N, C-alpha and C. Protein backbone atom coordinates (compact mmCIF):
# COMPACT_ATOMS: atom_id res chain seq x y z
N MET A 1 -35.42 -0.10 5.69
CA MET A 1 -35.20 1.27 6.08
C MET A 1 -34.24 1.90 5.10
N SER A 2 -34.59 3.15 4.68
CA SER A 2 -33.73 3.78 3.73
C SER A 2 -32.44 4.24 4.42
N LEU A 3 -31.46 4.59 3.67
CA LEU A 3 -30.19 4.94 4.17
C LEU A 3 -30.27 6.24 4.95
N ILE A 4 -31.01 7.17 4.49
CA ILE A 4 -31.11 8.48 5.21
C ILE A 4 -31.90 8.32 6.57
N ASN A 5 -32.89 7.40 6.58
CA ASN A 5 -33.57 7.16 7.82
C ASN A 5 -32.59 6.43 8.85
N GLU A 6 -31.78 5.56 8.34
CA GLU A 6 -30.87 4.87 9.21
C GLU A 6 -29.81 5.94 9.75
N TYR A 7 -29.38 6.80 8.90
CA TYR A 7 -28.44 7.89 9.26
C TYR A 7 -29.04 8.69 10.37
N ARG A 8 -30.28 9.17 10.21
CA ARG A 8 -30.95 10.00 11.21
C ARG A 8 -31.14 9.27 12.53
N ALA A 9 -31.52 8.00 12.45
CA ALA A 9 -31.75 7.18 13.68
C ALA A 9 -30.43 7.05 14.46
N THR A 10 -29.32 6.76 13.66
CA THR A 10 -28.01 6.65 14.30
C THR A 10 -27.56 7.94 14.92
N GLU A 11 -27.82 9.04 14.21
CA GLU A 11 -27.46 10.35 14.69
C GLU A 11 -28.15 10.67 16.05
N GLU A 12 -29.48 10.33 16.09
CA GLU A 12 -30.26 10.58 17.27
C GLU A 12 -29.76 9.68 18.43
N ALA A 13 -29.44 8.46 18.11
CA ALA A 13 -28.94 7.55 19.12
C ALA A 13 -27.59 8.07 19.68
N ILE A 14 -26.78 8.63 18.88
CA ILE A 14 -25.47 9.16 19.28
C ILE A 14 -25.72 10.38 20.25
N LYS A 15 -26.71 11.22 19.92
CA LYS A 15 -26.97 12.37 20.77
C LYS A 15 -27.46 11.93 22.13
N GLU A 16 -28.33 10.89 22.16
CA GLU A 16 -28.83 10.39 23.44
C GLU A 16 -27.72 9.83 24.25
N LEU A 17 -26.82 9.08 23.59
CA LEU A 17 -25.68 8.44 24.33
C LEU A 17 -24.72 9.49 24.83
N GLN A 18 -24.55 10.55 24.08
CA GLN A 18 -23.69 11.62 24.52
C GLN A 18 -24.24 12.38 25.76
N ALA A 19 -25.53 12.58 25.73
CA ALA A 19 -26.18 13.17 26.90
C ALA A 19 -26.06 12.28 28.11
N ARG A 20 -26.24 11.02 27.91
CA ARG A 20 -26.16 10.02 29.02
C ARG A 20 -24.73 9.96 29.62
N LEU A 21 -23.80 10.02 28.66
CA LEU A 21 -22.34 10.02 29.07
C LEU A 21 -22.00 11.29 29.82
N LYS A 22 -22.55 12.40 29.42
CA LYS A 22 -22.35 13.68 30.12
C LYS A 22 -22.90 13.57 31.58
N ASN A 23 -24.06 13.13 31.67
CA ASN A 23 -24.71 12.94 33.00
C ASN A 23 -23.87 12.00 33.88
N LEU A 24 -23.47 10.93 33.36
CA LEU A 24 -22.64 10.03 34.11
C LEU A 24 -21.32 10.57 34.52
N SER A 25 -20.72 11.35 33.63
CA SER A 25 -19.39 11.92 33.97
C SER A 25 -19.46 12.97 35.06
N GLU A 26 -20.59 13.58 35.23
CA GLU A 26 -20.83 14.56 36.30
C GLU A 26 -21.26 13.98 37.64
N ASP A 27 -21.50 12.66 37.62
CA ASP A 27 -21.99 11.98 38.87
C ASP A 27 -20.85 11.77 39.81
N ASP A 28 -21.04 12.21 41.07
CA ASP A 28 -20.00 12.06 42.11
C ASP A 28 -19.67 10.64 42.42
N LYS A 29 -20.71 9.77 42.41
CA LYS A 29 -20.47 8.32 42.72
C LYS A 29 -19.54 7.76 41.69
N LEU A 30 -19.76 8.04 40.43
CA LEU A 30 -18.85 7.54 39.40
C LEU A 30 -17.46 8.01 39.58
N GLN A 31 -17.29 9.28 39.93
CA GLN A 31 -15.93 9.80 40.09
C GLN A 31 -15.22 9.08 41.24
N THR A 32 -15.89 8.82 42.33
CA THR A 32 -15.26 8.08 43.46
C THR A 32 -14.95 6.61 43.04
N GLU A 33 -15.79 5.98 42.32
CA GLU A 33 -15.51 4.65 41.86
C GLU A 33 -14.32 4.62 40.92
N LEU A 34 -14.27 5.56 39.99
CA LEU A 34 -13.12 5.63 39.08
C LEU A 34 -11.81 5.90 39.78
N GLN A 35 -11.90 6.78 40.79
CA GLN A 35 -10.69 7.07 41.60
C GLN A 35 -10.25 5.80 42.38
N PHE A 36 -11.21 5.14 42.99
CA PHE A 36 -10.92 3.92 43.69
C PHE A 36 -10.30 2.83 42.76
N GLU A 37 -10.86 2.65 41.58
CA GLU A 37 -10.32 1.68 40.63
C GLU A 37 -8.91 2.07 40.21
N SER A 38 -8.63 3.28 39.93
CA SER A 38 -7.30 3.65 39.56
C SER A 38 -6.30 3.42 40.64
N LYS A 39 -6.64 3.76 41.91
CA LYS A 39 -5.79 3.55 43.01
C LYS A 39 -5.51 2.08 43.29
N LEU A 40 -6.62 1.30 43.17
CA LEU A 40 -6.47 -0.16 43.39
C LEU A 40 -5.53 -0.77 42.34
N ARG A 41 -5.73 -0.36 41.07
CA ARG A 41 -4.90 -0.94 39.97
C ARG A 41 -3.44 -0.51 40.17
N ALA A 42 -3.22 0.67 40.60
CA ALA A 42 -1.81 1.15 40.88
C ALA A 42 -1.21 0.32 42.00
N LEU A 43 -1.98 0.06 43.04
CA LEU A 43 -1.48 -0.68 44.18
C LEU A 43 -1.25 -2.17 43.77
N MET A 44 -2.14 -2.71 42.96
CA MET A 44 -1.92 -4.08 42.46
C MET A 44 -0.62 -4.12 41.65
N GLY A 45 -0.40 -3.10 40.77
CA GLY A 45 0.83 -3.08 39.99
C GLY A 45 2.08 -2.95 40.85
N GLU A 46 2.00 -2.11 41.90
CA GLU A 46 3.10 -1.90 42.78
C GLU A 46 3.53 -3.18 43.42
N TYR A 47 2.58 -4.01 43.86
CA TYR A 47 2.90 -5.27 44.55
C TYR A 47 2.84 -6.51 43.61
N SER A 48 2.66 -6.28 42.33
CA SER A 48 2.63 -7.37 41.31
C SER A 48 1.56 -8.43 41.71
N LYS A 49 0.38 -7.92 41.96
CA LYS A 49 -0.74 -8.89 42.30
C LYS A 49 -1.82 -8.71 41.25
N SER A 50 -2.47 -9.89 41.01
CA SER A 50 -3.56 -9.93 40.04
C SER A 50 -4.91 -9.77 40.77
N LEU A 51 -6.00 -9.63 40.02
CA LEU A 51 -7.28 -9.53 40.58
C LEU A 51 -7.64 -10.88 41.33
N ARG A 52 -7.19 -12.00 40.78
CA ARG A 52 -7.45 -13.34 41.43
C ARG A 52 -6.72 -13.33 42.75
N ASP A 53 -5.51 -12.82 42.87
CA ASP A 53 -4.83 -12.76 44.15
C ASP A 53 -5.59 -11.98 45.19
N ILE A 54 -6.13 -10.81 44.77
CA ILE A 54 -6.88 -9.98 45.68
C ILE A 54 -8.11 -10.72 46.16
N ILE A 55 -8.83 -11.34 45.26
CA ILE A 55 -10.02 -12.08 45.67
C ILE A 55 -9.72 -13.20 46.62
N ALA A 56 -8.63 -13.93 46.35
CA ALA A 56 -8.20 -14.99 47.25
C ALA A 56 -7.81 -14.49 48.62
N LEU A 57 -7.25 -13.30 48.62
CA LEU A 57 -6.82 -12.67 49.91
C LEU A 57 -8.13 -12.22 50.69
N LEU A 58 -9.08 -11.64 50.02
CA LEU A 58 -10.26 -11.12 50.70
C LEU A 58 -11.31 -12.19 51.05
N ASP A 59 -11.38 -13.19 50.17
CA ASP A 59 -12.39 -14.25 50.35
C ASP A 59 -11.75 -15.60 50.06
N PRO A 60 -10.94 -16.17 50.88
CA PRO A 60 -10.27 -17.41 50.60
C PRO A 60 -11.17 -18.57 50.29
N GLN A 61 -12.32 -18.69 51.06
CA GLN A 61 -13.20 -19.76 50.83
C GLN A 61 -13.91 -19.60 49.44
N GLY A 62 -14.30 -18.44 49.10
CA GLY A 62 -15.02 -18.20 47.88
C GLY A 62 -14.13 -18.34 46.66
N ALA A 63 -12.85 -18.04 46.85
CA ALA A 63 -11.91 -18.19 45.70
C ALA A 63 -11.66 -19.64 45.41
N ALA A 64 -11.71 -20.46 46.47
CA ALA A 64 -11.52 -21.91 46.24
C ALA A 64 -12.71 -22.53 45.53
N LYS A 65 -13.86 -22.00 45.84
CA LYS A 65 -15.12 -22.50 45.23
C LYS A 65 -15.38 -22.00 43.81
N ALA A 66 -14.82 -20.86 43.46
CA ALA A 66 -15.06 -20.20 42.21
C ALA A 66 -14.45 -21.07 41.07
N PRO A 67 -15.23 -21.32 40.02
CA PRO A 67 -14.68 -22.11 38.89
C PRO A 67 -13.69 -21.35 38.11
N ARG A 68 -12.63 -22.00 37.67
CA ARG A 68 -11.69 -21.45 36.81
C ARG A 68 -12.19 -21.31 35.40
N THR A 69 -11.92 -20.23 34.74
CA THR A 69 -12.46 -19.97 33.38
C THR A 69 -11.73 -20.94 32.38
N GLY A 70 -10.54 -21.33 32.67
CA GLY A 70 -9.82 -22.16 31.64
C GLY A 70 -10.17 -23.62 31.75
N ALA A 71 -10.56 -24.11 32.95
CA ALA A 71 -10.80 -25.49 33.15
C ALA A 71 -12.35 -25.75 33.25
N VAL A 72 -12.85 -26.25 32.15
CA VAL A 72 -14.28 -26.50 32.16
C VAL A 72 -14.49 -27.99 32.25
N LYS A 73 -15.21 -28.43 33.24
CA LYS A 73 -15.47 -29.90 33.37
C LYS A 73 -16.61 -30.32 32.50
N THR A 74 -16.40 -31.46 31.86
CA THR A 74 -17.47 -31.98 31.03
C THR A 74 -18.20 -33.09 31.86
N THR A 75 -19.49 -33.13 31.64
CA THR A 75 -20.30 -34.07 32.42
C THR A 75 -20.19 -35.49 31.82
N GLY A 76 -19.77 -35.62 30.61
CA GLY A 76 -19.61 -36.93 30.02
C GLY A 76 -20.91 -37.57 29.59
N THR A 77 -21.96 -36.73 29.42
CA THR A 77 -23.21 -37.34 28.99
C THR A 77 -23.28 -37.56 27.51
N LYS A 78 -22.41 -36.86 26.79
CA LYS A 78 -22.47 -37.05 25.32
C LYS A 78 -21.32 -38.01 24.92
N ARG A 79 -21.67 -39.09 24.27
CA ARG A 79 -20.62 -40.07 23.94
C ARG A 79 -19.89 -39.63 22.65
N ALA A 80 -18.70 -40.02 22.54
CA ALA A 80 -17.88 -39.68 21.40
C ALA A 80 -18.31 -40.58 20.21
N ARG A 81 -18.28 -39.94 18.99
CA ARG A 81 -18.69 -40.61 17.80
C ARG A 81 -17.60 -41.55 17.38
N LYS A 82 -17.97 -42.71 16.77
CA LYS A 82 -16.95 -43.62 16.29
C LYS A 82 -16.71 -43.43 14.84
N VAL A 83 -15.48 -43.72 14.46
CA VAL A 83 -15.10 -43.46 13.04
C VAL A 83 -15.65 -44.60 12.20
N LYS A 84 -16.33 -44.25 11.09
CA LYS A 84 -16.77 -45.19 10.12
C LYS A 84 -16.01 -45.03 8.85
N GLN A 85 -15.74 -46.13 8.18
CA GLN A 85 -15.02 -46.14 6.91
C GLN A 85 -16.08 -46.63 5.83
N TYR A 86 -16.19 -45.80 4.76
CA TYR A 86 -17.06 -46.17 3.72
C TYR A 86 -16.23 -46.45 2.47
N LYS A 87 -16.44 -47.60 1.81
CA LYS A 87 -15.72 -47.91 0.59
C LYS A 87 -16.70 -48.10 -0.52
N ASN A 88 -16.60 -47.27 -1.50
CA ASN A 88 -17.49 -47.23 -2.66
C ASN A 88 -17.05 -48.39 -3.60
N PRO A 89 -17.95 -49.40 -3.78
CA PRO A 89 -17.56 -50.54 -4.65
C PRO A 89 -17.50 -50.14 -6.11
N HIS A 90 -18.10 -49.01 -6.51
CA HIS A 90 -18.16 -48.60 -7.91
C HIS A 90 -16.77 -48.04 -8.40
N ASN A 91 -16.13 -47.30 -7.52
CA ASN A 91 -14.85 -46.63 -7.98
C ASN A 91 -13.73 -46.94 -6.97
N GLY A 92 -13.99 -47.62 -5.84
CA GLY A 92 -12.95 -47.98 -4.91
C GLY A 92 -12.50 -46.87 -3.97
N GLU A 93 -13.23 -45.70 -4.04
CA GLU A 93 -12.85 -44.56 -3.18
C GLU A 93 -13.23 -44.90 -1.75
N VAL A 94 -12.34 -44.48 -0.77
CA VAL A 94 -12.58 -44.73 0.64
C VAL A 94 -12.66 -43.38 1.38
N ILE A 95 -13.64 -43.33 2.32
CA ILE A 95 -13.84 -42.14 3.12
C ILE A 95 -13.88 -42.56 4.57
N GLU A 96 -13.22 -41.86 5.46
CA GLU A 96 -13.35 -42.05 6.93
C GLU A 96 -13.99 -40.84 7.52
N THR A 97 -15.02 -41.02 8.32
CA THR A 97 -15.71 -39.86 8.92
C THR A 97 -16.37 -40.29 10.20
N LYS A 98 -16.58 -39.32 11.08
CA LYS A 98 -17.26 -39.56 12.38
C LYS A 98 -18.73 -39.26 12.26
N GLY A 99 -19.20 -38.55 11.25
CA GLY A 99 -20.55 -38.08 11.14
C GLY A 99 -21.02 -38.16 9.69
N GLY A 100 -22.27 -37.85 9.49
CA GLY A 100 -22.87 -37.93 8.13
C GLY A 100 -22.76 -36.61 7.39
N ASN A 101 -21.99 -35.63 7.86
CA ASN A 101 -21.94 -34.35 7.21
C ASN A 101 -20.73 -34.24 6.30
N HIS A 102 -20.39 -35.29 5.60
CA HIS A 102 -19.24 -35.32 4.75
C HIS A 102 -19.75 -35.09 3.33
N LYS A 103 -19.09 -34.18 2.60
CA LYS A 103 -19.50 -33.79 1.27
C LYS A 103 -19.63 -34.97 0.31
N THR A 104 -18.61 -35.78 0.22
CA THR A 104 -18.65 -36.90 -0.73
C THR A 104 -19.68 -37.97 -0.27
N LEU A 105 -19.75 -38.21 1.05
CA LEU A 105 -20.74 -39.11 1.57
C LEU A 105 -22.15 -38.70 1.21
N LYS A 106 -22.43 -37.42 1.34
CA LYS A 106 -23.76 -36.92 0.99
C LYS A 106 -24.07 -37.11 -0.52
N GLU A 107 -23.02 -36.90 -1.35
CA GLU A 107 -23.18 -37.11 -2.84
C GLU A 107 -23.50 -38.54 -3.08
N TRP A 108 -22.82 -39.51 -2.38
CA TRP A 108 -23.06 -40.92 -2.63
C TRP A 108 -24.47 -41.26 -2.17
N LYS A 109 -24.94 -40.74 -1.02
CA LYS A 109 -26.29 -41.04 -0.56
C LYS A 109 -27.32 -40.46 -1.49
N ALA A 110 -27.01 -39.34 -2.06
CA ALA A 110 -28.01 -38.82 -3.04
C ALA A 110 -28.00 -39.64 -4.29
N LYS A 111 -26.90 -40.23 -4.72
CA LYS A 111 -26.84 -40.93 -5.95
C LYS A 111 -27.34 -42.36 -5.83
N TRP A 112 -26.93 -43.05 -4.74
CA TRP A 112 -27.23 -44.46 -4.60
C TRP A 112 -28.21 -44.78 -3.46
N GLY A 113 -28.54 -43.81 -2.62
CA GLY A 113 -29.50 -44.00 -1.51
C GLY A 113 -28.79 -44.31 -0.22
N GLY A 114 -29.38 -43.75 0.85
CA GLY A 114 -28.71 -43.85 2.14
C GLY A 114 -28.48 -45.27 2.68
N ASP A 115 -29.54 -46.11 2.45
CA ASP A 115 -29.39 -47.52 2.97
C ASP A 115 -28.28 -48.24 2.21
N VAL A 116 -28.19 -48.03 0.95
CA VAL A 116 -27.16 -48.74 0.11
C VAL A 116 -25.73 -48.25 0.62
N VAL A 117 -25.55 -46.94 0.81
CA VAL A 117 -24.29 -46.40 1.20
C VAL A 117 -23.93 -46.82 2.62
N GLU A 118 -24.87 -46.91 3.55
CA GLU A 118 -24.60 -47.39 4.90
C GLU A 118 -24.18 -48.90 4.85
N GLY A 119 -24.56 -49.59 3.83
CA GLY A 119 -24.10 -50.99 3.69
C GLY A 119 -22.63 -51.04 3.29
N TRP A 120 -22.06 -50.03 2.85
CA TRP A 120 -20.60 -49.95 2.52
C TRP A 120 -19.72 -49.63 3.71
N SER A 121 -20.31 -49.35 4.83
CA SER A 121 -19.58 -48.88 5.97
C SER A 121 -19.01 -50.03 6.87
N THR A 122 -17.89 -49.70 7.46
CA THR A 122 -17.32 -50.56 8.48
C THR A 122 -16.89 -49.69 9.66
N LEU A 123 -17.16 -50.15 10.84
CA LEU A 123 -16.83 -49.39 12.06
C LEU A 123 -15.38 -49.58 12.42
N LEU A 124 -14.66 -48.40 12.53
CA LEU A 124 -13.21 -48.47 12.85
C LEU A 124 -12.92 -48.38 14.34
N GLY A 125 -13.71 -47.62 15.00
CA GLY A 125 -13.39 -47.50 16.44
C GLY A 125 -13.97 -46.29 17.00
């Protein structure tokens, strides 16, 4: 798309969004919701309460069931990778990695072959 076409399309989208915004701002339902939200936030500030406190007050059972955003439980289905140590017999260089996405390890595999390089590995834990 040429730059002028992109400019015109963006300009048209802005006009449509401005018209939509104007219609929404004139809606009585939106005005009452905005008024309610501002009064609720003021009340929460007055009593030093958070949204979580309000939810716990209004729905104590639902608040207890709701997952916390900070604490994510893992199912434990994916096992942790073990550290492998590769020692190059040609130059004595040693690499420790958990996966095969190591830059030097890839270079070694390209130069001497994957099977040969895997023979240089020892499992650390």
